């Protein structure tokens, strides 16, 4: 075990990245996982997508409506304090209801978010 990669970070010290007109985020990444605080405007739609990362999403403020599966077979709406665990490779879409603040966690880490190849969000 090494102390070299030990980090102490405050969310307020992390740059607030503007991803597009309706989404901003702050990202923290370790060697194996990524955590992000995400801010969505009312009515924002994160388009249907999937990734090899397992994802855990917690809504902090506002509400989010999720649709799951290529056939859109499963839907759920989450409010403050609600958490959803999204298995790797499961197609999903999300729509914000009101202004939303939420936290996402992924394993393995989101290299596409780090290198800017997350085109499904950037339009």
C-alpha atoms as a PDB file:
ATOM      1  CA  UNK A   1       0.000   0.000   0.000  1.00  0.00           C
ATOM      2  CA  UNK A   2       1.217   3.458  -0.931  1.00  0.00           C
ATOM      3  CA  UNK A   3       0.359   6.840   0.520  1.00  0.00           C
ATOM      4  CA  UNK A   4       1.420   8.593  -2.712  1.00  0.00           C
ATOM      5  CA  UNK A   5      -2.089   8.586  -4.206  1.00  0.00           C
ATOM      6  CA  UNK A   6      -3.904   9.615  -1.022  1.00  0.00           C
ATOM      7  CA  UNK A   7      -6.023  12.704  -1.747  1.00  0.00           C
ATOM      8  CA  UNK A   8      -7.980  15.118   0.428  1.00  0.00           C
ATOM      9  CA  UNK A   9     -10.327  17.165  -1.756  1.00  0.00           C
ATOM     10  CA  UNK A  10     -13.229  19.549  -1.117  1.00  0.00           C
ATOM     11  CA  UNK A  11     -15.988  19.651  -3.770  1.00  0.00           C
ATOM     12  CA  UNK A  12     -15.908  23.469  -3.782  1.00  0.00           C
ATOM     13  CA  UNK A  13     -12.237  23.407  -4.826  1.00  0.00           C
ATOM     14  CA  UNK A  14     -12.920  21.349  -7.962  1.00  0.00           C
ATOM     15  CA  UNK A  15     -13.456  23.197 -11.230  1.00  0.00           C
ATOM     16  CA  UNK A  16     -17.104  23.347 -12.301  1.00  0.00           C
ATOM     17  CA  UNK A  17     -17.014  22.130 -15.899  1.00  0.00           C
ATOM     18  CA  UNK A  18     -19.701  23.255 -18.333  1.00  0.00           C
ATOM     19  CA  UNK A  19     -20.377  20.172 -20.467  1.00  0.00           C
ATOM     20  CA  UNK A  20     -23.197  21.693 -22.544  1.00  0.00           C
ATOM     21  CA  UNK A  21     -25.984  24.282 -22.206  1.00  0.00           C
ATOM     22  CA  UNK A  22     -27.901  22.187 -19.651  1.00  0.00           C
ATOM     23  CA  UNK A  23     -25.231  20.266 -17.681  1.00  0.00           C
ATOM     24  CA  UNK A  24     -22.332  21.163 -15.394  1.00  0.00           C
ATOM     25  CA  UNK A  25     -20.190  18.797 -13.341  1.00  0.00           C
ATOM     26  CA  UNK A  26     -17.317  18.377 -10.918  1.00  0.00           C
ATOM     27  CA  UNK A  27     -15.256  15.185 -11.241  1.00  0.00           C
ATOM     28  CA  UNK A  28     -12.986  13.312  -8.837  1.00  0.00           C
ATOM     29  CA  UNK A  29     -11.122  10.293 -10.162  1.00  0.00           C
ATOM     30  CA  UNK A  30      -9.018   7.691  -8.477  1.00  0.00           C
ATOM     31  CA  UNK A  31      -7.166   4.825 -10.058  1.00  0.00           C
ATOM     32  CA  UNK A  32     -10.235   2.546 -10.105  1.00  0.00           C
ATOM     33  CA  UNK A  33     -13.340   4.727  -9.932  1.00  0.00           C
ATOM     34  CA  UNK A  34     -14.844   8.121 -10.765  1.00  0.00           C
ATOM     35  CA  UNK A  35     -17.241  10.210  -8.675  1.00  0.00           C
ATOM     36  CA  UNK A  36     -19.035  13.268 -10.048  1.00  0.00           C
ATOM     37  CA  UNK A  37     -21.424  15.907  -8.762  1.00  0.00           C
ATOM     38  CA  UNK A  38     -23.700  16.793 -11.625  1.00  0.00           C
ATOM     39  CA  UNK A  39     -25.992  19.789 -12.031  1.00  0.00           C
ATOM     40  CA  UNK A  40     -28.809  19.579 -14.609  1.00  0.00           C
ATOM     41  CA  UNK A  41     -31.295  22.255 -15.674  1.00  0.00           C
ATOM     42  CA  UNK A  42     -35.015  21.469 -15.542  1.00  0.00           C
ATOM     43  CA  UNK A  43     -36.064  19.306 -18.483  1.00  0.00           C
ATOM     44  CA  UNK A  44     -32.542  18.201 -19.395  1.00  0.00           C
ATOM     45  CA  UNK A  45     -32.319  14.835 -21.141  1.00  0.00           C
ATOM     46  CA  UNK A  46     -29.240  12.640 -20.851  1.00  0.00           C
ATOM     47  CA  UNK A  47     -29.747  10.588 -24.031  1.00  0.00           C
ATOM     48  CA  UNK A  48     -29.964   6.796 -24.084  1.00  0.00           C
ATOM     49  CA  UNK A  49     -26.468   5.361 -23.733  1.00  0.00           C
ATOM     50  CA  UNK A  50     -24.580   2.516 -22.105  1.00  0.00           C
ATOM     51  CA  UNK A  51     -21.032   1.959 -20.907  1.00  0.00           C
ATOM     52  CA  UNK A  52     -18.861  -0.770 -19.472  1.00  0.00           C
ATOM     53  CA  UNK A  53     -18.940   0.954 -16.071  1.00  0.00           C
ATOM     54  CA  UNK A  54     -21.248  -0.006 -13.237  1.00  0.00           C
ATOM     55  CA  UNK A  55     -22.974   3.207 -12.106  1.00  0.00           C
ATOM     56  CA  UNK A  56     -24.538   4.303  -8.836  1.00  0.00           C
ATOM     57  CA  UNK A  57     -26.606   7.506  -8.936  1.00  0.00           C
ATOM     58  CA  UNK A  58     -27.923   9.412  -5.919  1.00  0.00           C
ATOM     59  CA  UNK A  59     -30.306  12.338  -6.337  1.00  0.00           C
ATOM     60  CA  UNK A  60     -29.507  15.193  -3.935  1.00  0.00           C
ATOM     61  CA  UNK A  61     -31.944  17.878  -5.176  1.00  0.00           C
ATOM     62  CA  UNK A  62     -34.833  17.771  -7.646  1.00  0.00           C
ATOM     63  CA  UNK A  63     -36.140  14.623  -9.338  1.00  0.00           C
ATOM     64  CA  UNK A  64     -34.867  12.407 -12.149  1.00  0.00           C
ATOM     65  CA  UNK A  65     -36.882  10.134 -14.391  1.00  0.00           C
ATOM     66  CA  UNK A  66     -34.912   7.138 -15.720  1.00  0.00           C
ATOM     67  CA  UNK A  67     -35.729   4.794 -18.597  1.00  0.00           C
ATOM     68  CA  UNK A  68     -33.811   1.500 -18.860  1.00  0.00           C
ATOM     69  CA  UNK A  69     -33.220  -1.022 -21.642  1.00  0.00           C
ATOM     70  CA  UNK A  70     -33.072  -0.712 -25.421  1.00  0.00           C
ATOM     71  CA  UNK A  71     -36.800  -1.504 -25.447  1.00  0.00           C
ATOM     72  CA  UNK A  72     -37.386   1.117 -22.688  1.00  0.00           C
ATOM     73  CA  UNK A  73     -39.029  -1.618 -20.621  1.00  0.00           C
ATOM     74  CA  UNK A  74     -38.283  -0.209 -17.149  1.00  0.00           C
ATOM     75  CA  UNK A  75     -38.884   3.301 -15.790  1.00  0.00           C
ATOM     76  CA  UNK A  76     -38.383   4.897 -12.386  1.00  0.00           C
ATOM     77  CA  UNK A  77     -38.419   8.356 -10.873  1.00  0.00           C
ATOM     78  CA  UNK A  78     -35.983   9.238  -8.098  1.00  0.00           C
ATOM     79  CA  UNK A  79     -36.144  12.093  -5.621  1.00  0.00           C
ATOM     80  CA  UNK A  80     -33.759  13.450  -2.991  1.00  0.00           C
ATOM     81  CA  UNK A  81     -32.047  10.618  -1.126  1.00  0.00           C
ATOM     82  CA  UNK A  82     -33.014   7.958  -3.700  1.00  0.00           C
ATOM     83  CA  UNK A  83     -30.276   5.813  -5.227  1.00  0.00           C
ATOM     84  CA  UNK A  84     -30.243   3.561  -8.278  1.00  0.00           C
ATOM     85  CA  UNK A  85     -27.571   0.974  -9.112  1.00  0.00           C
ATOM     86  CA  UNK A  86     -27.207   0.639 -12.895  1.00  0.00           C
ATOM     87  CA  UNK A  87     -25.407  -2.511 -14.073  1.00  0.00           C
ATOM     88  CA  UNK A  88     -22.644  -2.223 -16.664  1.00  0.00           C
ATOM     89  CA  UNK A  89     -23.799  -2.273 -20.316  1.00  0.00           C
ATOM     90  CA  UNK A  90     -27.467  -1.512 -19.449  1.00  0.00           C
ATOM     91  CA  UNK A  91     -28.813   1.215 -21.788  1.00  0.00           C
ATOM     92  CA  UNK A  92     -30.300   4.100 -19.807  1.00  0.00           C
ATOM     93  CA  UNK A  93     -31.670   7.613 -20.265  1.00  0.00           C
ATOM     94  CA  UNK A  94     -32.440  10.287 -17.676  1.00  0.00           C
ATOM     95  CA  UNK A  95     -34.620  13.402 -17.652  1.00  0.00           C
ATOM     96  CA  UNK A  96     -34.396  16.056 -14.933  1.00  0.00           C
ATOM     97  CA  UNK A  97     -37.590  17.247 -13.288  1.00  0.00           C
ATOM     98  CA  UNK A  98     -36.769  20.632 -11.830  1.00  0.00           C
ATOM     99  CA  UNK A  99     -33.183  21.742 -11.419  1.00  0.00           C
ATOM    100  CA  UNK A 100     -31.242  18.668 -10.303  1.00  0.00           C
ATOM    101  CA  UNK A 101     -28.112  18.077  -8.285  1.00  0.00           C
ATOM    102  CA  UNK A 102     -26.993  14.472  -8.201  1.00  0.00           C
ATOM    103  CA  UNK A 103     -23.943  12.358  -7.541  1.00  0.00           C
ATOM    104  CA  UNK A 104     -22.735   9.556  -9.799  1.00  0.00           C
ATOM    105  CA  UNK A 105     -20.137   6.925  -9.024  1.00  0.00           C
ATOM    106  CA  UNK A 106     -18.625   4.535 -11.586  1.00  0.00           C
ATOM    107  CA  UNK A 107     -16.288   1.594 -11.551  1.00  0.00           C
ATOM    108  CA  UNK A 108     -14.076   1.283 -13.410  1.00  0.00           C
ATOM    109  CA  UNK A 109     -13.369   4.975 -13.760  1.00  0.00           C
ATOM    110  CA  UNK A 110     -14.871   7.041 -16.601  1.00  0.00           C
ATOM    111  CA  UNK A 111     -11.891   7.559 -18.881  1.00  0.00           C
ATOM    112  CA  UNK A 112     -14.222   8.962 -21.581  1.00  0.00           C
ATOM    113  CA  UNK A 113     -15.163  11.768 -19.180  1.00  0.00           C
ATOM    114  CA  UNK A 114     -11.508  12.446 -18.429  1.00  0.00           C
ATOM    115  CA  UNK A 115     -10.298  12.553 -22.038  1.00  0.00           C
ATOM    116  CA  UNK A 116     -13.363  14.396 -23.463  1.00  0.00           C
ATOM    117  CA  UNK A 117     -14.675  11.559 -25.663  1.00  0.00           C
ATOM    118  CA  UNK A 118     -18.108  11.562 -23.975  1.00  0.00           C
ATOM    119  CA  UNK A 119     -19.700  12.802 -27.222  1.00  0.00           C
ATOM    120  CA  UNK A 120     -23.211  11.673 -26.226  1.00  0.00           C
ATOM    121  CA  UNK A 121     -23.209  14.541 -23.709  1.00  0.00           C
ATOM    122  CA  UNK A 122     -21.359  17.145 -25.718  1.00  0.00           C
ATOM    123  CA  UNK A 123     -23.804  17.144 -28.641  1.00  0.00           C
END
